[in-house]
PDB file of N, CA and C in Angstrom:
ATOM      1  N   MET A   1     -29.061 -27.104  25.343  1.00  0.00           N
ATOM      2  CA  MET A   1     -28.006 -27.399  24.388  1.00  0.00           C
ATOM      3  C   MET A   1     -27.068 -28.421  25.027  1.00  0.00           C
ATOM      4  N   GLY A   2     -26.693 -29.422  24.243  1.00  0.00           N
ATOM      5  CA  GLY A   2     -25.833 -30.463  24.773  1.00  0.00           C
ATOM      6  C   GLY A   2     -24.391 -30.013  24.874  1.00  0.00           C
ATOM      7  N   GLU A   3     -23.659 -30.713  25.694  1.00  0.00           N
ATOM      8  CA  GLU A   3     -22.234 -30.399  25.902  1.00  0.00           C
ATOM      9  C   GLU A   3     -21.442 -30.509  24.601  1.00  0.00           C
ATOM     10  N   GLN A   4     -21.759 -31.494  23.796  1.00  0.00           N
ATOM     11  CA  GLN A   4     -21.040 -31.692  22.540  1.00  0.00           C
ATOM     12  C   GLN A   4     -21.303 -30.521  21.577  1.00  0.00           C
ATOM     13  N   ALA A   5     -22.537 -30.056  21.507  1.00  0.00           N
ATOM     14  CA  ALA A   5     -22.888 -28.927  20.640  1.00  0.00           C
ATOM     15  C   ALA A   5     -22.200 -27.653  21.131  1.00  0.00           C
ATOM     16  N   ARG A   6     -22.171 -27.466  22.447  1.00  0.00           N
ATOM     17  CA  ARG A   6     -21.506 -26.294  23.024  1.00  0.00           C
ATOM     18  C   ARG A   6     -20.011 -26.312  22.690  1.00  0.00           C
ATOM     19  N   THR A   7     -19.398 -27.459  22.836  1.00  0.00           N
ATOM     20  CA  THR A   7     -17.972 -27.592  22.533  1.00  0.00           C
ATOM     21  C   THR A   7     -17.699 -27.313  21.059  1.00  0.00           C
ATOM     22  N   ALA A   8     -18.563 -27.821  20.186  1.00  0.00           N
ATOM     23  CA  ALA A   8     -18.413 -27.588  18.745  1.00  0.00           C
ATOM     24  C   ALA A   8     -18.550 -26.099  18.426  1.00  0.00           C
ATOM     25  N   MET A   9     -19.520 -25.423  19.061  1.00  0.00           N
ATOM     26  CA  MET A   9     -19.698 -23.983  18.833  1.00  0.00           C
ATOM     27  C   MET A   9     -18.507 -23.190  19.348  1.00  0.00           C
ATOM     28  N   GLU A  10     -17.986 -23.542  20.496  1.00  0.00           N
ATOM     29  CA  GLU A  10     -16.818 -22.848  21.039  1.00  0.00           C
ATOM     30  C   GLU A  10     -15.614 -23.038  20.125  1.00  0.00           C
ATOM     31  N   HIS A  11     -15.463 -24.244  19.612  1.00  0.00           N
ATOM     32  CA  HIS A  11     -14.352 -24.530  18.698  1.00  0.00           C
ATOM     33  C   HIS A  11     -14.497 -23.701  17.418  1.00  0.00           C
ATOM     34  N   ARG A  12     -15.723 -23.655  16.882  1.00  0.00           N
ATOM     35  CA  ARG A  12     -15.972 -22.877  15.656  1.00  0.00           C
ATOM     36  C   ARG A  12     -15.751 -21.389  15.911  1.00  0.00           C
ATOM     37  N   ALA A  13     -16.181 -20.887  17.054  1.00  0.00           N
ATOM     38  CA  ALA A  13     -15.985 -19.478  17.399  1.00  0.00           C
ATOM     39  C   ALA A  13     -14.494 -19.160  17.483  1.00  0.00           C
ATOM     40  N   HIS A  14     -13.737 -20.056  18.074  1.00  0.00           N
ATOM     41  CA  HIS A  14     -12.293 -19.866  18.174  1.00  0.00           C
ATOM     42  C   HIS A  14     -11.648 -19.839  16.781  1.00  0.00           C
ATOM     43  N   GLU A  15     -12.097 -20.736  15.899  1.00  0.00           N
ATOM     44  CA  GLU A  15     -11.583 -20.757  14.527  1.00  0.00           C
ATOM     45  C   GLU A  15     -11.883 -19.443  13.812  1.00  0.00           C
ATOM     46  N   LEU A  16     -13.104 -18.946  13.988  1.00  0.00           N
ATOM     47  CA  LEU A  16     -13.489 -17.687  13.351  1.00  0.00           C
ATOM     48  C   LEU A  16     -12.670 -16.512  13.894  1.00  0.00           C
ATOM     49  N   GLN A  17     -12.467 -16.477  15.202  1.00  0.00           N
ATOM     50  CA  GLN A  17     -11.673 -15.406  15.803  1.00  0.00           C
ATOM     51  C   GLN A  17     -10.239 -15.446  15.279  1.00  0.00           C
ATOM     52  N   THR A  18      -9.681 -16.636  15.182  1.00  0.00           N
ATOM     53  CA  THR A  18      -8.328 -16.785  14.666  1.00  0.00           C
ATOM     54  C   THR A  18      -8.255 -16.315  13.216  1.00  0.00           C
ATOM     55  N   GLY A  19      -9.260 -16.670  12.431  1.00  0.00           N
ATOM     56  CA  GLY A  19      -9.312 -16.221  11.035  1.00  0.00           C
ATOM     57  C   GLY A  19      -9.392 -14.711  10.929  1.00  0.00           C
ATOM     58  N   LEU A  20     -10.208 -14.097  11.788  1.00  0.00           N
ATOM     59  CA  LEU A  20     -10.316 -12.637  11.780  1.00  0.00           C
ATOM     60  C   LEU A  20      -8.994 -11.975  12.163  1.00  0.00           C
ATOM     61  N   LEU A  21      -8.337 -12.509  13.171  1.00  0.00           N
ATOM     62  CA  LEU A  21      -7.043 -11.945  13.578  1.00  0.00           C
ATOM     63  C   LEU A  21      -6.013 -12.077  12.460  1.00  0.00           C
ATOM     64  N   ASP A  22      -6.045 -13.198  11.745  1.00  0.00           N
ATOM     65  CA  ASP A  22      -5.146 -13.372  10.606  1.00  0.00           C
ATOM     66  C   ASP A  22      -5.435 -12.345   9.514  1.00  0.00           C
ATOM     67  N   MET A  23      -6.734 -12.089   9.262  1.00  0.00           N
ATOM     68  CA  MET A  23      -7.098 -11.088   8.254  1.00  0.00           C
ATOM     69  C   MET A  23      -6.659  -9.692   8.674  1.00  0.00           C
ATOM     70  N   VAL A  24      -6.813  -9.359   9.946  1.00  0.00           N
ATOM     71  CA  VAL A  24      -6.383  -8.050  10.441  1.00  0.00           C
ATOM     72  C   VAL A  24      -4.873  -7.897  10.258  1.00  0.00           C
ATOM     73  N   ASP A  25      -4.119  -8.940  10.588  1.00  0.00           N
ATOM     74  CA  ASP A  25      -2.668  -8.890  10.399  1.00  0.00           C
ATOM     75  C   ASP A  25      -2.314  -8.686   8.932  1.00  0.00           C
ATOM     76  N   ARG A  26      -2.998  -9.376   8.049  1.00  0.00           N
ATOM     77  CA  ARG A  26      -2.737  -9.251   6.612  1.00  0.00           C
ATOM     78  C   ARG A  26      -3.087  -7.851   6.128  1.00  0.00           C
ATOM     79  N   ILE A  27      -4.219  -7.316   6.588  1.00  0.00           N
ATOM     80  CA  ILE A  27      -4.626  -5.966   6.191  1.00  0.00           C
ATOM     81  C   ILE A  27      -3.589  -4.951   6.645  1.00  0.00           C
ATOM     82  N   GLU A  28      -3.089  -5.086   7.853  1.00  0.00           N
ATOM     83  CA  GLU A  28      -2.071  -4.165   8.358  1.00  0.00           C
ATOM     84  C   GLU A  28      -0.781  -4.272   7.542  1.00  0.00           C
ATOM     85  N   ALA A  29      -0.412  -5.481   7.153  1.00  0.00           N
ATOM     86  CA  ALA A  29       0.792  -5.662   6.336  1.00  0.00           C
ATOM     87  C   ALA A  29       0.611  -5.029   4.962  1.00  0.00           C
ATOM     88  N   VAL A  30      -0.564  -5.207   4.367  1.00  0.00           N
ATOM     89  CA  VAL A  30      -0.832  -4.616   3.052  1.00  0.00           C
ATOM     90  C   VAL A  30      -0.868  -3.096   3.163  1.00  0.00           C
ATOM     91  N   ARG A  31      -1.463  -2.580   4.222  1.00  0.00           N
ATOM     92  CA  ARG A  31      -1.516  -1.122   4.423  1.00  0.00           C
ATOM     93  C   ARG A  31      -0.099  -0.545   4.562  1.00  0.00           C
ATOM     94  N   ALA A  32       0.750  -1.215   5.328  1.00  0.00           N
ATOM     95  CA  ALA A  32       2.125  -0.742   5.497  1.00  0.00           C
ATOM     96  C   ALA A  32       2.870  -0.771   4.162  1.00  0.00           C
ATOM     97  N   GLU A  33       2.674  -1.812   3.380  1.00  0.00           N
ATOM     98  CA  GLU A  33       3.312  -1.905   2.062  1.00  0.00           C
ATOM     99  C   GLU A  33       2.801  -0.809   1.138  1.00  0.00           C
ATOM    100  N   CYS A  34       1.513  -0.538   1.189  1.00  0.00           N
ATOM    101  CA  CYS A  34       0.918   0.520   0.379  1.00  0.00           C
ATOM    102  C   CYS A  34       1.516   1.888   0.751  1.00  0.00           C
ATOM    103  N   GLU A  35       1.641   2.149   2.040  1.00  0.00           N
ATOM    104  CA  GLU A  35       2.232   3.411   2.489  1.00  0.00           C
ATOM    105  C   GLU A  35       3.681   3.527   2.046  1.00  0.00           C
ATOM    106  N   ARG A  36       4.424   2.416   2.099  1.00  0.00           N
ATOM    107  CA  ARG A  36       5.817   2.428   1.654  1.00  0.00           C
ATOM    108  C   ARG A  36       5.896   2.729   0.158  1.00  0.00           C
ATOM    109  N   LEU A  37       5.031   2.095  -0.616  1.00  0.00           N
ATOM    110  CA  LEU A  37       5.025   2.325  -2.060  1.00  0.00           C
ATOM    111  C   LEU A  37       4.573   3.742  -2.407  1.00  0.00           C
ATOM    112  N   GLU A  38       3.598   4.268  -1.665  1.00  0.00           N
ATOM    113  CA  GLU A  38       3.166   5.647  -1.897  1.00  0.00           C
ATOM    114  C   GLU A  38       4.303   6.627  -1.615  1.00  0.00           C
ATOM    115  N   GLY A  39       5.083   6.363  -0.576  1.00  0.00           N
ATOM    116  CA  GLY A  39       6.232   7.212  -0.274  1.00  0.00           C
ATOM    117  C   GLY A  39       7.248   7.164  -1.405  1.00  0.00           C
ATOM    118  N   GLY A  40       7.508   5.982  -1.925  1.00  0.00           N
ATOM    119  CA  GLY A  40       8.422   5.849  -3.061  1.00  0.00           C
ATOM    120  C   GLY A  40       7.882   6.552  -4.287  1.00  0.00           C
ATOM    121  N   ASN A  41       6.584   6.479  -4.501  1.00  0.00           N
ATOM    122  CA  ASN A  41       5.951   7.149  -5.634  1.00  0.00           C
ATOM    123  C   ASN A  41       6.086   8.667  -5.511  1.00  0.00           C
ATOM    124  N   ARG A  42       5.838   9.195  -4.316  1.00  0.00           N
ATOM    125  CA  ARG A  42       5.991  10.639  -4.101  1.00  0.00           C
ATOM    126  C   ARG A  42       7.430  11.072  -4.378  1.00  0.00           C
ATOM    127  N   PHE A  43       8.398  10.271  -3.913  1.00  0.00           N
ATOM    128  CA  PHE A  43       9.795  10.591  -4.155  1.00  0.00           C
ATOM    129  C   PHE A  43      10.088  10.619  -5.656  1.00  0.00           C
ATOM    130  N   LEU A  44       9.623   9.600  -6.374  1.00  0.00           N
ATOM    131  CA  LEU A  44       9.874   9.546  -7.812  1.00  0.00           C
ATOM    132  C   LEU A  44       9.198  10.696  -8.553  1.00  0.00           C
ATOM    133  N   GLN A  45       7.974  11.042  -8.154  1.00  0.00           N
ATOM    134  CA  GLN A  45       7.293  12.174  -8.784  1.00  0.00           C
ATOM    135  C   GLN A  45       8.072  13.463  -8.567  1.00  0.00           C
ATOM    136  N   SER A  46       8.575  13.657  -7.365  1.00  0.00           N
ATOM    137  CA  SER A  46       9.371  14.844  -7.064  1.00  0.00           C
ATOM    138  C   SER A  46      10.660  14.845  -7.878  1.00  0.00           C
ATOM    139  N   TYR A  47      11.312  13.703  -7.941  1.00  0.00           N
ATOM    140  CA  TYR A  47      12.566  13.582  -8.683  1.00  0.00           C
ATOM    141  C   TYR A  47      12.345  13.872 -10.173  1.00  0.00           C
ATOM    142  N   ILE A  48      11.292  13.303 -10.746  1.00  0.00           N
ATOM    143  CA  ILE A  48      10.993  13.536 -12.161  1.00  0.00           C
ATOM    144  C   ILE A  48      10.641  15.002 -12.391  1.00  0.00           C
ATOM    145  N   GLY A  49       9.877  15.589 -11.478  1.00  0.00           N
ATOM    146  CA  GLY A  49       9.549  17.011 -11.591  1.00  0.00           C
ATOM    147  C   GLY A  49      10.793  17.880 -11.582  1.00  0.00           C
ATOM    148  N   GLU A  50      11.731  17.552 -10.711  1.00  0.00           N
ATOM    149  CA  GLU A  50      12.976  18.312 -10.660  1.00  0.00           C
ATOM    150  C   GLU A  50      13.789  18.122 -11.932  1.00  0.00           C
ATOM    151  N   LEU A  51      13.804  16.914 -12.469  1.00  0.00           N
ATOM    152  CA  LEU A  51      14.501  16.673 -13.736  1.00  0.00           C
ATOM    153  C   LEU A  51      13.874  17.475 -14.870  1.00  0.00           C
ATOM    154  N   MET A  52      12.548  17.520 -14.876  1.00  0.00           N
ATOM    155  CA  MET A  52      11.861  18.295 -15.917  1.00  0.00           C
ATOM    156  C   MET A  52      12.194  19.776 -15.795  1.00  0.00           C
ATOM    157  N   GLN A  53      12.224  20.289 -14.567  1.00  0.00           N
ATOM    158  CA  GLN A  53      12.581  21.693 -14.359  1.00  0.00           C
ATOM    159  C   GLN A  53      14.011  21.950 -14.819  1.00  0.00           C
ATOM    160  N   THR A  54      14.904  21.059 -14.491  1.00  0.00           N
ATOM    161  CA  THR A  54      16.304  21.199 -14.887  1.00  0.00           C
ATOM    162  C   THR A  54      16.437  21.177 -16.391  1.00  0.00           C
ATOM    163  N   SER A  55      15.703  20.293 -17.060  1.00  0.00           N
ATOM    164  CA  SER A  55      15.800  20.207 -18.521  1.00  0.00           C
ATOM    165  C   SER A  55      15.250  21.469 -19.169  1.00  0.00           C
ATOM    166  N   ARG A  56      14.225  22.087 -18.583  1.00  0.00           N
ATOM    167  CA  ARG A  56      13.697  23.352 -19.117  1.00  0.00           C
ATOM    168  C   ARG A  56      14.709  24.476 -18.942  1.00  0.00           C
ATOM    169  N   VAL A  57      15.369  24.496 -17.818  1.00  0.00           N
ATOM    170  CA  VAL A  57      16.362  25.537 -17.538  1.00  0.00           C
ATOM    171  C   VAL A  57      17.555  25.388 -18.477  1.00  0.00           C
ATOM    172  N   MET A  58      17.897  24.165 -18.816  1.00  0.00           N
ATOM    173  CA  MET A  58      19.084  23.900 -19.628  1.00  0.00           C
ATOM    174  C   MET A  58      18.841  24.088 -21.124  1.00  0.00           C
ATOM    175  N   GLN A  59      17.572  24.241 -21.567  1.00  0.00           N
ATOM    176  CA  GLN A  59      17.301  24.431 -22.985  1.00  0.00           C
ATOM    177  C   GLN A  59      17.792  25.803 -23.426  1.00  0.00           C
ATOM    178  N   PRO A  60      18.372  25.875 -24.628  1.00  0.00           N
ATOM    179  CA  PRO A  60      18.822  27.181 -25.140  1.00  0.00           C
ATOM    180  C   PRO A  60      17.640  28.130 -25.313  1.00  0.00           C
ATOM    181  N   VAL A  61      17.878  29.416 -25.121  1.00  0.00           N
ATOM    182  CA  VAL A  61      16.847  30.437 -25.250  1.00  0.00           C
ATOM    183  C   VAL A  61      16.372  30.489 -26.695  1.00  0.00           C
ATOM    184  N   GLY A  62      15.062  30.612 -26.903  1.00  0.00           N
ATOM    185  CA  GLY A  62      14.498  30.716 -28.227  1.00  0.00           C
ATOM    186  C   GLY A  62      14.274  29.376 -28.907  1.00  0.00           C
ATOM    187  N   ARG A  63      14.595  28.307 -28.250  1.00  0.00           N
ATOM    188  CA  ARG A  63      14.416  26.976 -28.823  1.00  0.00           C
ATOM    189  C   ARG A  63      13.377  26.223 -27.988  1.00  0.00           C
ATOM    190  N   LYS A  64      12.294  25.862 -28.607  1.00  0.00           N
ATOM    191  CA  LYS A  64      11.187  25.210 -27.901  1.00  0.00           C
ATOM    192  C   LYS A  64      11.254  23.697 -27.970  1.00  0.00           C
ATOM    193  N   GLY A  65      12.164  23.179 -28.739  1.00  0.00           N
ATOM    194  CA  GLY A  65      12.243  21.721 -28.894  1.00  0.00           C
ATOM    195  C   GLY A  65      11.707  21.305 -30.243  1.00  0.00           C
ATOM    196  N   ARG A  66      12.076  20.144 -30.673  1.00  0.00           N
ATOM    197  CA  ARG A  66      11.657  19.636 -31.989  1.00  0.00           C
ATOM    198  C   ARG A  66      10.330  18.918 -31.876  1.00  0.00           C
ATOM    199  N   ARG A  67       9.558  18.975 -32.950  1.00  0.00           N
ATOM    200  CA  ARG A  67       8.269  18.261 -32.988  1.00  0.00           C
ATOM    201  C   ARG A  67       8.130  17.520 -34.254  1.00  0.00           C
TER     202      ARG A  67
END
């Protein structure tokens, strides 16, 4: 293999490695954002559940609501 071909392959390998590292960084950023959003979702689900429980407790006895 000639020196020029070896240099071209090394350059291409370096480009590929850099691209992979960039993808790993992006995946980690997306994963962290997903975890943050899931935490917010869990909080909202809990909050809505508590509101629903409170609204049931606050309804007058014998009244099921209008339909």
